[in-house]
Amino acid sequence: MSTATLSEFTPESGTVTMFSTTWCGYCKRLKLMLDKTGIGYTVVDIEETPGTEELVKSVNGGNAVVPTLVFPDGSTATNPSLKDVQERLAV
């Protein structure tokens, strides 16, 4: 299995890609906050999408930490606050 690349998951301007799992409480909380503020996102389940767990590990020092977000500029953030997401998207 090959590792996915960030460029495959870089979102459009004003939105984010969220690497997640179905059981992650932090992911559920962030999704609710994004929904309330109208920030668009695409969810990628790292347990279901081949190569994405390895990608998440590659940007998190070897750990499969979710939520990990990808921003339109290709940068990432692990378990960011809503404020962090809003600030990164405003740039």
C-alpha atoms as a PDB file:
ATOM      1  CA  MET A   1       0.000   0.000   0.000  1.00  0.00           C
ATOM      2  CA  SER A   2       1.368   3.387  -0.908  1.00  0.00           C
ATOM      3  CA  THR A   3       1.189   6.455   1.259  1.00  0.00           C
ATOM      4  CA  ALA A   4      -1.204   9.143   0.091  1.00  0.00           C
ATOM      5  CA  THR A   5       0.183  12.630  -0.517  1.00  0.00           C
ATOM      6  CA  LEU A   6      -0.940  15.970   0.883  1.00  0.00           C
ATOM      7  CA  SER A   7      -1.493  17.313  -2.620  1.00  0.00           C
ATOM      8  CA  GLU A   8      -4.208  14.674  -3.150  1.00  0.00           C
ATOM      9  CA  PHE A   9      -6.165  16.156  -0.230  1.00  0.00           C
ATOM     10  CA  THR A  10      -5.434  19.895  -0.513  1.00  0.00           C
ATOM     11  CA  PRO A  11      -8.858  21.584  -0.394  1.00  0.00           C
ATOM     12  CA  GLU A  12     -10.285  24.533  -2.256  1.00  0.00           C
ATOM     13  CA  SER A  13      -9.950  28.023  -0.823  1.00  0.00           C
ATOM     14  CA  GLY A  14     -12.069  28.614   2.279  1.00  0.00           C
ATOM     15  CA  THR A  15     -12.401  24.917   3.158  1.00  0.00           C
ATOM     16  CA  VAL A  16     -10.365  22.221   4.900  1.00  0.00           C
ATOM     17  CA  THR A  17      -9.789  18.509   4.623  1.00  0.00           C
ATOM     18  CA  MET A  18     -10.160  16.690   7.926  1.00  0.00           C
ATOM     19  CA  PHE A  19      -8.492  13.343   8.492  1.00  0.00           C
ATOM     20  CA  SER A  20     -10.677  11.612  11.036  1.00  0.00           C
ATOM     21  CA  THR A  21     -12.101   8.343  12.376  1.00  0.00           C
ATOM     22  CA  THR A  22     -15.709   7.474  13.171  1.00  0.00           C
ATOM     23  CA  TRP A  23     -14.978   7.105  16.902  1.00  0.00           C
ATOM     24  CA  CYS A  24     -12.908  10.271  17.498  1.00  0.00           C
ATOM     25  CA  GLY A  25     -14.621  12.622  19.957  1.00  0.00           C
ATOM     26  CA  TYR A  26     -12.310  15.534  19.106  1.00  0.00           C
ATOM     27  CA  CYS A  27     -13.207  15.106  15.442  1.00  0.00           C
ATOM     28  CA  LYS A  28     -16.939  15.124  16.198  1.00  0.00           C
ATOM     29  CA  ARG A  29     -16.565  18.288  18.275  1.00  0.00           C
ATOM     30  CA  LEU A  30     -14.582  20.095  15.568  1.00  0.00           C
ATOM     31  CA  LYS A  31     -17.106  19.052  12.897  1.00  0.00           C
ATOM     32  CA  LEU A  32     -19.937  20.535  14.992  1.00  0.00           C
ATOM     33  CA  MET A  33     -18.044  23.812  15.394  1.00  0.00           C
ATOM     34  CA  LEU A  34     -17.231  23.988  11.682  1.00  0.00           C
ATOM     35  CA  ASP A  35     -20.886  23.313  10.863  1.00  0.00           C
ATOM     36  CA  LYS A  36     -22.053  26.084  13.212  1.00  0.00           C
ATOM     37  CA  THR A  37     -19.699  28.620  11.633  1.00  0.00           C
ATOM     38  CA  GLY A  38     -20.294  27.525   8.036  1.00  0.00           C
ATOM     39  CA  ILE A  39     -16.730  26.446   7.293  1.00  0.00           C
ATOM     40  CA  GLY A  40     -16.731  23.786   4.610  1.00  0.00           C
ATOM     41  CA  TYR A  41     -14.790  20.572   5.090  1.00  0.00           C
ATOM     42  CA  THR A  42     -14.248  17.167   3.576  1.00  0.00           C
ATOM     43  CA  VAL A  43     -13.829  14.233   5.943  1.00  0.00           C
ATOM     44  CA  VAL A  44     -11.358  11.468   5.118  1.00  0.00           C
ATOM     45  CA  ASP A  45     -11.563   8.422   7.397  1.00  0.00           C
ATOM     46  CA  ILE A  46      -7.997   7.179   7.918  1.00  0.00           C
ATOM     47  CA  GLU A  47      -9.290   3.717   8.779  1.00  0.00           C
ATOM     48  CA  GLU A  48     -11.153   3.430   5.481  1.00  0.00           C
ATOM     49  CA  THR A  49      -9.059   5.359   2.929  1.00  0.00           C
ATOM     50  CA  PRO A  50      -5.890   3.518   1.873  1.00  0.00           C
ATOM     51  CA  GLY A  51      -2.606   5.313   2.522  1.00  0.00           C
ATOM     52  CA  THR A  52      -4.080   8.091   4.653  1.00  0.00           C
ATOM     53  CA  GLU A  53      -3.106   6.702   8.058  1.00  0.00           C
ATOM     54  CA  GLU A  54       0.505   6.697   6.854  1.00  0.00           C
ATOM     55  CA  LEU A  55       0.107  10.263   5.573  1.00  0.00           C
ATOM     56  CA  VAL A  56      -1.239  11.436   8.933  1.00  0.00           C
ATOM     57  CA  LYS A  57       1.641   9.676  10.682  1.00  0.00           C
ATOM     58  CA  SER A  58       4.123  11.409   8.366  1.00  0.00           C
ATOM     59  CA  VAL A  59       2.964  14.876   9.444  1.00  0.00           C
ATOM     60  CA  ASN A  60       2.577  13.979  13.129  1.00  0.00           C
ATOM     61  CA  GLY A  61       5.935  12.508  14.086  1.00  0.00           C
ATOM     62  CA  GLY A  62       4.854   8.927  13.441  1.00  0.00           C
ATOM     63  CA  ASN A  63       1.531   9.160  15.306  1.00  0.00           C
ATOM     64  CA  ALA A  64      -1.901   8.646  13.738  1.00  0.00           C
ATOM     65  CA  VAL A  65      -3.423  11.676  15.489  1.00  0.00           C
ATOM     66  CA  VAL A  66      -6.846  12.924  14.423  1.00  0.00           C
ATOM     67  CA  PRO A  67      -8.257  15.328  13.659  1.00  0.00           C
ATOM     68  CA  THR A  68      -5.482  16.411  11.355  1.00  0.00           C
ATOM     69  CA  LEU A  69      -6.502  19.165   8.954  1.00  0.00           C
ATOM     70  CA  VAL A  70      -5.097  20.179   5.588  1.00  0.00           C
ATOM     71  CA  PHE A  71      -5.529  23.797   4.548  1.00  0.00           C
ATOM     72  CA  PRO A  72      -5.716  25.259   1.014  1.00  0.00           C
ATOM     73  CA  ASP A  73      -2.035  26.286   1.179  1.00  0.00           C
ATOM     74  CA  GLY A  74      -1.064  22.638   1.826  1.00  0.00           C
ATOM     75  CA  SER A  75      -0.164  23.194   5.478  1.00  0.00           C
ATOM     76  CA  THR A  76      -1.513  20.967   8.249  1.00  0.00           C
ATOM     77  CA  ALA A  77      -2.689  21.309  11.849  1.00  0.00           C
ATOM     78  CA  THR A  78      -3.365  18.631  14.429  1.00  0.00           C
ATOM     79  CA  ASN A  79      -6.412  18.994  16.670  1.00  0.00           C
ATOM     80  CA  PRO A  80      -6.711  22.753  16.045  1.00  0.00           C
ATOM     81  CA  SER A  81      -9.215  24.983  17.790  1.00  0.00           C
ATOM     82  CA  LEU A  82     -11.978  26.644  15.791  1.00  0.00           C
ATOM     83  CA  LYS A  83     -10.143  29.949  16.225  1.00  0.00           C
ATOM     84  CA  ASP A  84      -6.973  28.408  14.742  1.00  0.00           C
ATOM     85  CA  VAL A  85      -8.936  27.144  11.731  1.00  0.00           C
ATOM     86  CA  GLN A  86     -10.623  30.505  11.195  1.00  0.00           C
ATOM     87  CA  GLU A  87      -7.320  32.368  11.408  1.00  0.00           C
ATOM     88  CA  ARG A  88      -5.577  30.000   8.995  1.00  0.00           C
ATOM     89  CA  LEU A  89      -8.391  30.302   6.468  1.00  0.00           C
ATOM     90  CA  ALA A  90      -8.444  34.118   6.725  1.00  0.00           C
ATOM     91  CA  VAL A  91      -4.857  34.453   5.494  1.00  0.00           C
END
